[in-house]
C-alpha atoms as a PDB file:
ATOM      1  CA  MET A   1       8.833 -19.946 -11.637  1.00  0.00           C
ATOM      2  CA  ALA A   2       6.096 -20.694 -14.140  1.00  0.00           C
ATOM      3  CA  LEU A   3       3.099 -18.391 -14.421  1.00  0.00           C
ATOM      4  CA  ASP A   4       0.806 -21.007 -12.923  1.00  0.00           C
ATOM      5  CA  GLY A   5       2.770 -20.812  -9.686  1.00  0.00           C
ATOM      6  CA  THR A   6       4.325 -24.267  -9.862  1.00  0.00           C
ATOM      7  CA  GLY A   7       7.969 -24.775  -8.998  1.00  0.00           C
ATOM      8  CA  ASP A   8      10.124 -24.055  -5.952  1.00  0.00           C
ATOM      9  CA  THR A   9       7.770 -22.078  -3.753  1.00  0.00           C
ATOM     10  CA  SER A  10      10.415 -21.644  -1.048  1.00  0.00           C
ATOM     11  CA  LEU A  11      12.051 -19.061  -3.329  1.00  0.00           C
ATOM     12  CA  LEU A  12       9.002 -16.835  -3.757  1.00  0.00           C
ATOM     13  CA  LEU A  13      10.897 -13.867  -2.311  1.00  0.00           C
ATOM     14  CA  GLY A  14      14.545 -13.833  -3.244  1.00  0.00           C
ATOM     15  CA  SER A  15      17.469 -11.716  -2.108  1.00  0.00           C
ATOM     16  CA  GLU A  16      16.562  -8.984  -4.604  1.00  0.00           C
ATOM     17  CA  ASP A  17      12.976  -8.690  -3.338  1.00  0.00           C
ATOM     18  CA  VAL A  18      12.132  -6.175  -0.617  1.00  0.00           C
ATOM     19  CA  PRO A  19      10.481  -7.338   2.634  1.00  0.00           C
ATOM     20  CA  PRO A  20       6.682  -7.249   2.452  1.00  0.00           C
ATOM     21  CA  VAL A  21       6.175  -4.988   5.454  1.00  0.00           C
ATOM     22  CA  PHE A  22       6.905  -1.270   5.402  1.00  0.00           C
ATOM     23  CA  GLU A  23       6.781   0.715   8.639  1.00  0.00           C
ATOM     24  CA  GLY A  24       6.808   4.455   9.032  1.00  0.00           C
ATOM     25  CA  ASN A  25       7.195   6.486  12.209  1.00  0.00           C
ATOM     26  CA  SER A  26       7.296   3.371  14.377  1.00  0.00           C
ATOM     27  CA  ALA A  27       7.929   5.469  17.497  1.00  0.00           C
ATOM     28  CA  GLY A  28       4.844   7.591  16.840  1.00  0.00           C
ATOM     29  CA  ARG A  29       2.868   8.520  19.948  1.00  0.00           C
ATOM     30  CA  SER A  30      -0.565   9.019  18.411  1.00  0.00           C
ATOM     31  CA  PRO A  31      -3.385   6.735  19.575  1.00  0.00           C
ATOM     32  CA  PHE A  32      -4.154   6.157  15.881  1.00  0.00           C
ATOM     33  CA  LEU A  33      -2.449   3.120  14.350  1.00  0.00           C
ATOM     34  CA  LEU A  34      -2.501   3.378  10.559  1.00  0.00           C
ATOM     35  CA  THR A  35      -2.516   0.392   8.206  1.00  0.00           C
ATOM     36  CA  SER A  36      -2.434   0.253   4.413  1.00  0.00           C
ATOM     37  CA  ASP A  37      -3.193  -3.167   2.929  1.00  0.00           C
ATOM     38  CA  HIS A  38      -2.851  -2.052  -0.707  1.00  0.00           C
ATOM     39  CA  TYR A  39       0.004   0.440  -0.306  1.00  0.00           C
ATOM     40  CA  GLY A  40       2.340  -1.126  -2.874  1.00  0.00           C
ATOM     41  CA  ARG A  41       2.234  -2.904  -6.232  1.00  0.00           C
ATOM     42  CA  ARG A  42       5.447  -4.904  -6.254  1.00  0.00           C
ATOM     43  CA  ILE A  43       5.504  -8.424  -7.645  1.00  0.00           C
ATOM     44  CA  PRO A  44       8.138 -10.967  -6.574  1.00  0.00           C
ATOM     45  CA  ARG A  45      10.758 -11.436  -9.284  1.00  0.00           C
ATOM     46  CA  SER A  46       9.979 -15.143  -9.320  1.00  0.00           C
ATOM     47  CA  LEU A  47       6.440 -14.402 -10.538  1.00  0.00           C
ATOM     48  CA  GLY A  48       7.488 -12.074 -13.350  1.00  0.00           C
ATOM     49  CA  ASP A  49       4.611  -9.829 -14.369  1.00  0.00           C
ATOM     50  CA  LEU A  50       1.871 -12.393 -13.659  1.00  0.00           C
ATOM     51  CA  GLY A  51       1.325 -12.439 -17.417  1.00  0.00           C
ATOM     52  CA  LEU A  52      -0.011  -8.888 -17.485  1.00  0.00           C
ATOM     53  CA  PRO A  53       1.040  -5.871 -19.555  1.00  0.00           C
ATOM     54  CA  ALA A  54       2.667  -3.069 -17.595  1.00  0.00           C
ATOM     55  CA  GLY A  55      -0.372  -0.806 -17.866  1.00  0.00           C
ATOM     56  CA  GLU A  56      -2.550  -3.247 -15.944  1.00  0.00           C
ATOM     57  CA  LEU A  57      -0.120  -3.186 -13.031  1.00  0.00           C
ATOM     58  CA  THR A  58      -0.640   0.533 -12.442  1.00  0.00           C
ATOM     59  CA  ARG A  59      -4.433   0.209 -12.178  1.00  0.00           C
ATOM     60  CA  HIS A  60      -6.595  -0.216  -9.097  1.00  0.00           C
ATOM     61  CA  ILE A  61      -6.646  -3.975  -9.669  1.00  0.00           C
ATOM     62  CA  ALA A  62      -2.990  -4.044  -8.563  1.00  0.00           C
ATOM     63  CA  TRP A  63      -3.010  -1.589  -5.619  1.00  0.00           C
ATOM     64  CA  ASP A  64      -4.704   1.517  -4.196  1.00  0.00           C
ATOM     65  CA  PRO A  65      -3.259   4.404  -6.256  1.00  0.00           C
ATOM     66  CA  GLY A  66      -2.463   7.520  -4.260  1.00  0.00           C
ATOM     67  CA  ILE A  67      -2.918   6.058  -0.809  1.00  0.00           C
ATOM     68  CA  ALA A  68       0.791   5.547  -0.125  1.00  0.00           C
ATOM     69  CA  GLY A  69       1.460   9.281  -0.351  1.00  0.00           C
ATOM     70  CA  VAL A  70      -1.500  10.087   1.893  1.00  0.00           C
ATOM     71  CA  ALA A  71      -0.506   7.427   4.427  1.00  0.00           C
ATOM     72  CA  ASP A  72       3.118   8.555   4.594  1.00  0.00           C
ATOM     73  CA  ALA A  73       2.211  12.220   5.085  1.00  0.00           C
ATOM     74  CA  LEU A  74      -0.606  11.540   7.554  1.00  0.00           C
ATOM     75  CA  SER A  75       1.642   9.308   9.646  1.00  0.00           C
ATOM     76  CA  LYS A  76       4.092  12.169  10.039  1.00  0.00           C
ATOM     77  CA  ASP A  77       1.438  14.837  10.522  1.00  0.00           C
ATOM     78  CA  ILE A  78      -0.288  13.126  13.451  1.00  0.00           C
ATOM     79  CA  ASP A  79       2.786  11.264  14.753  1.00  0.00           C
ATOM     80  CA  ALA A  80       1.176   7.880  14.066  1.00  0.00           C
ATOM     81  CA  HIS A  81       2.761   4.494  13.463  1.00  0.00           C
ATOM     82  CA  LEU A  82       2.079   3.253   9.912  1.00  0.00           C
ATOM     83  CA  ILE A  83       2.219  -0.419   8.898  1.00  0.00           C
ATOM     84  CA  ALA A  84       1.894  -1.013   5.160  1.00  0.00           C
ATOM     85  CA  GLN A  85       2.133  -3.859   2.662  1.00  0.00           C
ATOM     86  CA  ARG A  86       4.471  -3.463  -0.318  1.00  0.00           C
ATOM     87  CA  TYR A  87       3.275  -6.242  -2.644  1.00  0.00           C
ATOM     88  CA  SER A  88       0.430  -6.123  -5.146  1.00  0.00           C
ATOM     89  CA  ARG A  89      -3.011  -7.341  -4.180  1.00  0.00           C
ATOM     90  CA  LEU A  90      -2.780  -9.470  -7.340  1.00  0.00           C
ATOM     91  CA  VAL A  91      -0.076 -11.586  -5.695  1.00  0.00           C
ATOM     92  CA  ILE A  92      -2.202 -11.992  -2.570  1.00  0.00           C
ATOM     93  CA  ASP A  93      -4.752  -9.556  -1.214  1.00  0.00           C
ATOM     94  CA  CYS A  94      -3.859  -8.712   2.374  1.00  0.00           C
ATOM     95  CA  ASN A  95      -7.396  -7.506   3.104  1.00  0.00           C
ATOM     96  CA  ARG A  96      -9.129 -10.746   2.144  1.00  0.00           C
ATOM     97  CA  PRO A  97      -9.575 -13.888   4.234  1.00  0.00           C
ATOM     98  CA  PRO A  98      -7.142 -16.539   2.986  1.00  0.00           C
ATOM     99  CA  GLY A  99      -8.985 -19.043   0.844  1.00  0.00           C
ATOM    100  CA  ALA A 100     -11.579 -16.528  -0.352  1.00  0.00           C
ATOM    101  CA  PRO A 101     -11.810 -16.389  -4.169  1.00  0.00           C
ATOM    102  CA  SER A 102     -10.568 -12.788  -4.125  1.00  0.00           C
ATOM    103  CA  SER A 103      -7.528 -13.641  -1.991  1.00  0.00           C
ATOM    104  CA  ILE A 104      -5.528 -14.614  -5.090  1.00  0.00           C
ATOM    105  CA  PRO A 105      -7.862 -13.422  -7.846  1.00  0.00           C
ATOM    106  CA  ARG A 106      -8.115 -15.250 -11.148  1.00  0.00           C
ATOM    107  CA  ILE A 107     -10.107 -12.281 -12.501  1.00  0.00           C
ATOM    108  CA  SER A 108      -9.995  -8.752 -11.104  1.00  0.00           C
ATOM    109  CA  GLU A 109     -12.761  -6.498 -12.368  1.00  0.00           C
ATOM    110  CA  ALA A 110     -12.800  -7.692 -16.017  1.00  0.00           C
ATOM    111  CA  THR A 111      -9.094  -8.530 -16.242  1.00  0.00           C
ATOM    112  CA  VAL A 112      -7.914 -12.148 -16.298  1.00  0.00           C
ATOM    113  CA  ILE A 113      -4.729 -12.655 -14.258  1.00  0.00           C
ATOM    114  CA  PRO A 114      -2.789 -15.370 -16.146  1.00  0.00           C
ATOM    115  CA  GLY A 115      -0.268 -15.873 -13.338  1.00  0.00           C
ATOM    116  CA  ASN A 116      -3.052 -16.780 -10.921  1.00  0.00           C
ATOM    117  CA  GLU A 117      -4.894 -19.267 -13.106  1.00  0.00           C
ATOM    118  CA  GLY A 118      -4.583 -22.869 -11.999  1.00  0.00           C
ATOM    119  CA  ILE A 119      -2.361 -21.914  -9.061  1.00  0.00           C
ATOM    120  CA  ALA A 120      -1.305 -24.946  -7.042  1.00  0.00           C
ATOM    121  CA  ARG A 121      -2.183 -25.204  -3.360  1.00  0.00           C
ATOM    122  CA  ASP A 122       1.461 -25.111  -2.251  1.00  0.00           C
ATOM    123  CA  ALA A 123       2.110 -22.040  -4.411  1.00  0.00           C
ATOM    124  CA  ALA A 124      -0.856 -20.240  -2.860  1.00  0.00           C
ATOM    125  CA  GLN A 125       0.412 -21.205   0.595  1.00  0.00           C
ATOM    126  CA  ALA A 126       3.874 -19.853  -0.297  1.00  0.00           C
ATOM    127  CA  ARG A 127       2.347 -16.469  -1.120  1.00  0.00           C
ATOM    128  CA  ARG A 128       0.462 -16.474   2.142  1.00  0.00           C
ATOM    129  CA  GLU A 129       3.556 -17.395   4.177  1.00  0.00           C
ATOM    130  CA  ALA A 130       5.857 -14.930   2.432  1.00  0.00           C
ATOM    131  CA  ILE A 131       3.586 -11.868   2.202  1.00  0.00           C
ATOM    132  CA  PHE A 132       0.230 -12.110   3.964  1.00  0.00           C
ATOM    133  CA  GLU A 133       1.344 -13.630   7.267  1.00  0.00           C
ATOM    134  CA  PRO A 134       4.346 -11.350   7.964  1.00  0.00           C
ATOM    135  CA  TYR A 135       2.168  -8.289   7.405  1.00  0.00           C
ATOM    136  CA  HIS A 136      -0.611  -9.363   9.718  1.00  0.00           C
ATOM    137  CA  ARG A 137       1.807 -10.808  12.244  1.00  0.00           C
ATOM    138  CA  ARG A 138       3.487  -7.423  12.470  1.00  0.00           C
ATOM    139  CA  ILE A 139       0.187  -5.603  12.974  1.00  0.00           C
ATOM    140  CA  ALA A 140      -0.687  -8.072  15.745  1.00  0.00           C
ATOM    141  CA  GLU A 141       2.722  -7.651  17.386  1.00  0.00           C
ATOM    142  CA  VAL A 142       2.439  -3.873  17.423  1.00  0.00           C
ATOM    143  CA  ILE A 143      -1.083  -3.964  18.875  1.00  0.00           C
ATOM    144  CA  ASP A 144      -0.005  -6.517  21.494  1.00  0.00           C
ATOM    145  CA  ARG A 145       2.881  -4.314  22.562  1.00  0.00           C
ATOM    146  CA  ARG A 146       0.760  -1.177  22.689  1.00  0.00           C
ATOM    147  CA  LEU A 147      -1.948  -2.862  24.771  1.00  0.00           C
ATOM    148  CA  CYS A 148       0.649  -4.374  27.111  1.00  0.00           C
ATOM    149  CA  ASP A 149       2.170  -0.916  27.599  1.00  0.00           C
ATOM    150  CA  GLY A 150      -1.247   0.668  28.145  1.00  0.00           C
ATOM    151  CA  VAL A 151      -1.049   2.781  24.978  1.00  0.00           C
ATOM    152  CA  PRO A 152      -4.489   3.782  23.618  1.00  0.00           C
ATOM    153  CA  THR A 153      -4.931   2.237  20.179  1.00  0.00           C
ATOM    154  CA  VAL A 154      -7.407   3.192  17.464  1.00  0.00           C
ATOM    155  CA  LEU A 155      -7.094   1.257  14.198  1.00  0.00           C
ATOM    156  CA  VAL A 156      -7.463   3.188  10.927  1.00  0.00           C
ATOM    157  CA  SER A 157      -7.175   1.273   7.659  1.00  0.00           C
ATOM    158  CA  LEU A 158      -6.423   3.492   4.656  1.00  0.00           C
ATOM    159  CA  HIS A 159      -7.620   2.768   1.091  1.00  0.00           C
ATOM    160  CA  SER A 160      -8.512   4.483  -2.178  1.00  0.00           C
ATOM    161  CA  PHE A 161     -11.287   3.799  -4.685  1.00  0.00           C
ATOM    162  CA  THR A 162     -11.915   4.352  -8.392  1.00  0.00           C
ATOM    163  CA  PRO A 163     -13.996   7.356  -9.532  1.00  0.00           C
ATOM    164  CA  VAL A 164     -15.987   5.090 -11.868  1.00  0.00           C
ATOM    165  CA  TYR A 165     -16.878   1.437 -11.415  1.00  0.00           C
ATOM    166  CA  ALA A 166     -18.729  -0.705 -13.959  1.00  0.00           C
ATOM    167  CA  GLY A 167     -19.526   2.450 -15.891  1.00  0.00           C
ATOM    168  CA  ILE A 168     -21.153   4.180 -12.921  1.00  0.00           C
ATOM    169  CA  ALA A 169     -19.649   7.388 -11.515  1.00  0.00           C
ATOM    170  CA  ARG A 170     -19.117   7.456  -7.769  1.00  0.00           C
ATOM    171  CA  PRO A 171     -20.062  10.794  -6.199  1.00  0.00           C
ATOM    172  CA  TRP A 172     -18.278  10.429  -2.873  1.00  0.00           C
ATOM    173  CA  HIS A 173     -14.986  12.153  -2.187  1.00  0.00           C
ATOM    174  CA  ILE A 174     -14.326  10.005   0.866  1.00  0.00           C
ATOM    175  CA  GLY A 175     -16.103   7.211   2.688  1.00  0.00           C
ATOM    176  CA  THR A 176     -15.990   5.581   6.093  1.00  0.00           C
ATOM    177  CA  LEU A 177     -16.033   1.766   6.248  1.00  0.00           C
ATOM    178  CA  TYR A 178     -17.084  -0.126   9.341  1.00  0.00           C
ATOM    179  CA  HIS A 179     -19.103  -3.031  10.683  1.00  0.00           C
ATOM    180  CA  ARG A 180     -19.413  -3.521  14.440  1.00  0.00           C
ATOM    181  CA  ASP A 181     -17.743  -0.415  15.859  1.00  0.00           C
ATOM    182  CA  SER A 182     -20.316   2.221  16.795  1.00  0.00           C
ATOM    183  CA  ARG A 183     -17.837   4.602  18.442  1.00  0.00           C
ATOM    184  CA  LEU A 184     -15.309   5.934  15.940  1.00  0.00           C
ATOM    185  CA  PRO A 185     -17.284   5.901  12.633  1.00  0.00           C
ATOM    186  CA  PRO A 186     -20.013   8.301  13.835  1.00  0.00           C
ATOM    187  CA  LEU A 187     -17.359  10.756  15.018  1.00  0.00           C
ATOM    188  CA  LEU A 188     -15.493  10.518  11.745  1.00  0.00           C
ATOM    189  CA  LEU A 189     -18.705  10.990   9.768  1.00  0.00           C
ATOM    190  CA  LYS A 190     -19.604  14.037  11.866  1.00  0.00           C
ATOM    191  CA  TRP A 191     -16.304  15.780  11.289  1.00  0.00           C
ATOM    192  CA  LEU A 192     -16.089  14.847   7.607  1.00  0.00           C
ATOM    193  CA  ARG A 193     -19.619  16.123   6.998  1.00  0.00           C
ATOM    194  CA  ALA A 194     -18.683  19.396   8.674  1.00  0.00           C
ATOM    195  CA  GLU A 195     -16.402  19.996   5.680  1.00  0.00           C
ATOM    196  CA  PRO A 196     -18.619  22.009   3.295  1.00  0.00           C
ATOM    197  CA  ASP A 197     -16.964  20.799   0.092  1.00  0.00           C
ATOM    198  CA  LEU A 198     -17.167  17.037   0.704  1.00  0.00           C
ATOM    199  CA  VAL A 199     -19.597  14.341  -0.358  1.00  0.00           C
ATOM    200  CA  VAL A 200     -19.119  11.722   2.350  1.00  0.00           C
ATOM    201  CA  GLY A 201     -20.030   8.053   2.067  1.00  0.00           C
ATOM    202  CA  ASP A 202     -21.419   6.149   5.052  1.00  0.00           C
ATOM    203  CA  ASN A 203     -20.214   2.604   4.324  1.00  0.00           C
ATOM    204  CA  GLU A 204     -19.821   3.728   0.724  1.00  0.00           C
ATOM    205  CA  PRO A 205     -18.446   2.777  -1.737  1.00  0.00           C
ATOM    206  CA  TYR A 206     -17.823  -0.372   0.300  1.00  0.00           C
ATOM    207  CA  ALA A 207     -18.815  -1.806   3.659  1.00  0.00           C
ATOM    208  CA  VAL A 208     -16.757  -4.005   5.970  1.00  0.00           C
ATOM    209  CA  SER A 209     -17.750  -7.631   6.486  1.00  0.00           C
ATOM    210  CA  ASP A 210     -16.137 -10.819   7.763  1.00  0.00           C
ATOM    211  CA  GLU A 211     -16.452 -12.355   4.308  1.00  0.00           C
ATOM    212  CA  THR A 212     -14.855  -9.530   2.302  1.00  0.00           C
ATOM    213  CA  ASP A 213     -12.331  -7.999   4.727  1.00  0.00           C
ATOM    214  CA  TYR A 214      -9.563  -9.092   7.052  1.00  0.00           C
ATOM    215  CA  THR A 215      -7.686  -6.221   8.695  1.00  0.00           C
ATOM    216  CA  ILE A 216     -10.585  -4.539  10.495  1.00  0.00           C
ATOM    217  CA  PRO A 217     -12.450  -7.725  11.543  1.00  0.00           C
ATOM    218  CA  VAL A 218      -9.310  -9.474  12.820  1.00  0.00           C
ATOM    219  CA  HIS A 219      -7.192  -6.676  14.275  1.00  0.00           C
ATOM    220  CA  GLY A 220      -9.900  -4.179  15.185  1.00  0.00           C
ATOM    221  CA  GLU A 221     -13.211  -5.857  15.926  1.00  0.00           C
ATOM    222  CA  ALA A 222     -11.877  -9.124  17.388  1.00  0.00           C
ATOM    223  CA  ARG A 223      -9.795  -7.104  19.879  1.00  0.00           C
ATOM    224  CA  GLY A 224     -12.523  -4.609  20.684  1.00  0.00           C
ATOM    225  CA  LEU A 225     -10.493  -1.671  19.374  1.00  0.00           C
ATOM    226  CA  MET A 226     -12.121   1.439  17.992  1.00  0.00           C
ATOM    227  CA  ASN A 227     -11.645   1.205  14.254  1.00  0.00           C
ATOM    228  CA  THR A 228     -12.603   2.493  10.845  1.00  0.00           C
ATOM    229  CA  GLY A 229     -11.658   2.112   7.228  1.00  0.00           C
ATOM    230  CA  ILE A 230     -11.188   5.189   5.071  1.00  0.00           C
ATOM    231  CA  GLU A 231     -11.617   5.245   1.292  1.00  0.00           C
ATOM    232  CA  ILE A 232     -10.486   8.310  -0.708  1.00  0.00           C
ATOM    233  CA  ARG A 233     -11.415   8.728  -4.369  1.00  0.00           C
ATOM    234  CA  GLN A 234      -8.353   8.198  -6.494  1.00  0.00           C
ATOM    235  CA  ASP A 235      -8.667  11.198  -8.800  1.00  0.00           C
ATOM    236  CA  LEU A 236      -8.374  13.433  -5.727  1.00  0.00           C
ATOM    237  CA  ILE A 237      -5.026  11.933  -4.692  1.00  0.00           C
ATOM    238  CA  ALA A 238      -3.508  11.263  -8.106  1.00  0.00           C
ATOM    239  CA  ASP A 239      -0.537  13.576  -7.541  1.00  0.00           C
ATOM    240  CA  PRO A 240       1.626  14.672  -4.593  1.00  0.00           C
ATOM    241  CA  ALA A 241      -0.305  17.928  -4.183  1.00  0.00           C
ATOM    242  CA  GLY A 242      -3.609  16.088  -3.778  1.00  0.00           C
ATOM    243  CA  GLN A 243      -2.069  13.580  -1.419  1.00  0.00           C
ATOM    244  CA  ARG A 244      -0.644  16.405   0.690  1.00  0.00           C
ATOM    245  CA  GLN A 245      -3.979  18.224   0.792  1.00  0.00           C
ATOM    246  CA  TRP A 246      -5.845  15.124   1.939  1.00  0.00           C
ATOM    247  CA  ALA A 247      -3.241  14.255   4.538  1.00  0.00           C
ATOM    248  CA  ASP A 248      -3.524  17.800   5.911  1.00  0.00           C
ATOM    249  CA  ARG A 249      -7.317  17.580   6.005  1.00  0.00           C
ATOM    250  CA  LEU A 250      -7.345  14.198   7.698  1.00  0.00           C
ATOM    251  CA  ALA A 251      -4.694  15.286  10.194  1.00  0.00           C
ATOM    252  CA  ARG A 252      -6.879  18.205  11.228  1.00  0.00           C
ATOM    253  CA  ILE A 253      -9.966  15.988  11.510  1.00  0.00           C
ATOM    254  CA  PHE A 254      -8.174  13.292  13.479  1.00  0.00           C
ATOM    255  CA  GLY A 255      -6.881  15.982  15.815  1.00  0.00           C
ATOM    256  CA  GLU A 256     -10.484  17.026  16.504  1.00  0.00           C
ATOM    257  CA  ILE A 257     -11.539  13.415  17.005  1.00  0.00           C
ATOM    258  CA  GLU A 258      -8.688  12.722  19.427  1.00  0.00           C
ATOM    259  CA  THR A 259      -9.624  15.796  21.463  1.00  0.00           C
ATOM    260  CA  GLU A 260     -13.242  14.641  21.588  1.00  0.00           C
ATOM    261  CA  LEU A 261     -12.348  11.069  22.520  1.00  0.00           C
ATOM    262  CA  ARG A 262     -10.092  12.255  25.342  1.00  0.00           C
ATOM    263  CA  ALA A 263     -12.774  14.620  26.627  1.00  0.00           C
ATOM    264  CA  GLN A 264     -15.177  11.679  26.742  1.00  0.00           C
ATOM    265  CA  ARG A 265     -12.465   9.530  28.425  1.00  0.00           C
ATOM    266  CA  MET A 266     -12.612   7.035  25.619  1.00  0.00           C
ATOM    267  CA  LEU A 267      -8.818   7.124  25.259  1.00  0.00           C
END
C-alpha cells in the first residue's frame, strides 16, 4: 500500500498483523473496568513505517510510553478487566472522535506524518473499520454484559504524558481527567493528594471534552457510569520498576476508593 493510503484498503490488516484489541484478566471481578487507548504502537504491515524513522515511532506521538506495563500490573493487582488497543495512535487515534483532525494526524506535535498526508476517504474508513471500531465495540460489549448481569462498573481510562511539552516542564506526577462526572474524580483527587510525595493535577495536563476525547464521553458519560482518566508522567514509568511502583500505588488507592464507594452504597 502506498504511503498516502491509496490501494486495496480491505487488506489493511493482514494475516501477519495482530488483532487490534488486547484483553487482560477478562474474568476480573473488580468494579473498575480499565481501558488503554494508546497502549501499543504497532503499525499494520501494509502501511510500512508511515514514512517515519524508527526513533519517531517510540515517542509519545506514536503511543503512551510506560502505560502498558502499569495497565497490565494494575489489572492483575485489583482483579480488573483491561481492554487495550495495540495499534499506534498515528494509524488512527482511538481516543479521538472519527473525522476530527487529530483522528488520523497529518502533523503530531511538530512531526509531519508522511503516511497520513493526502489520505483518501476510503483509506481513512478502512483504518476506522479495522482498528477503531473493533476496540470501541468490544468496550461497549463488555459494559453491556456487565450492566445486564448487574455488575458495578466504573470506567478508568489509563494514559501517560510527556515531562516537557513545547519547552515547558510539567510539574505534575499524575493527573485526573474528567468532564461531567462529579463522583469519582473528587475521590481520586482526595486519595492522590493524601500521598505526601505527589504533585497531582486536577484536569491537568489535559481535560476531557466531547471534541478532544472519545472513550470517556461515549462509554462513561453517555452511559452514566462513574469514570475518570488518569495521566502518569512518562519519566516516572519509563522502566519496569517504575511501572510496578505506580501500579502498586494505584492498586492501594483504588482499594480505598472501592471501600469508600461501597460504604456510601454507590456500588
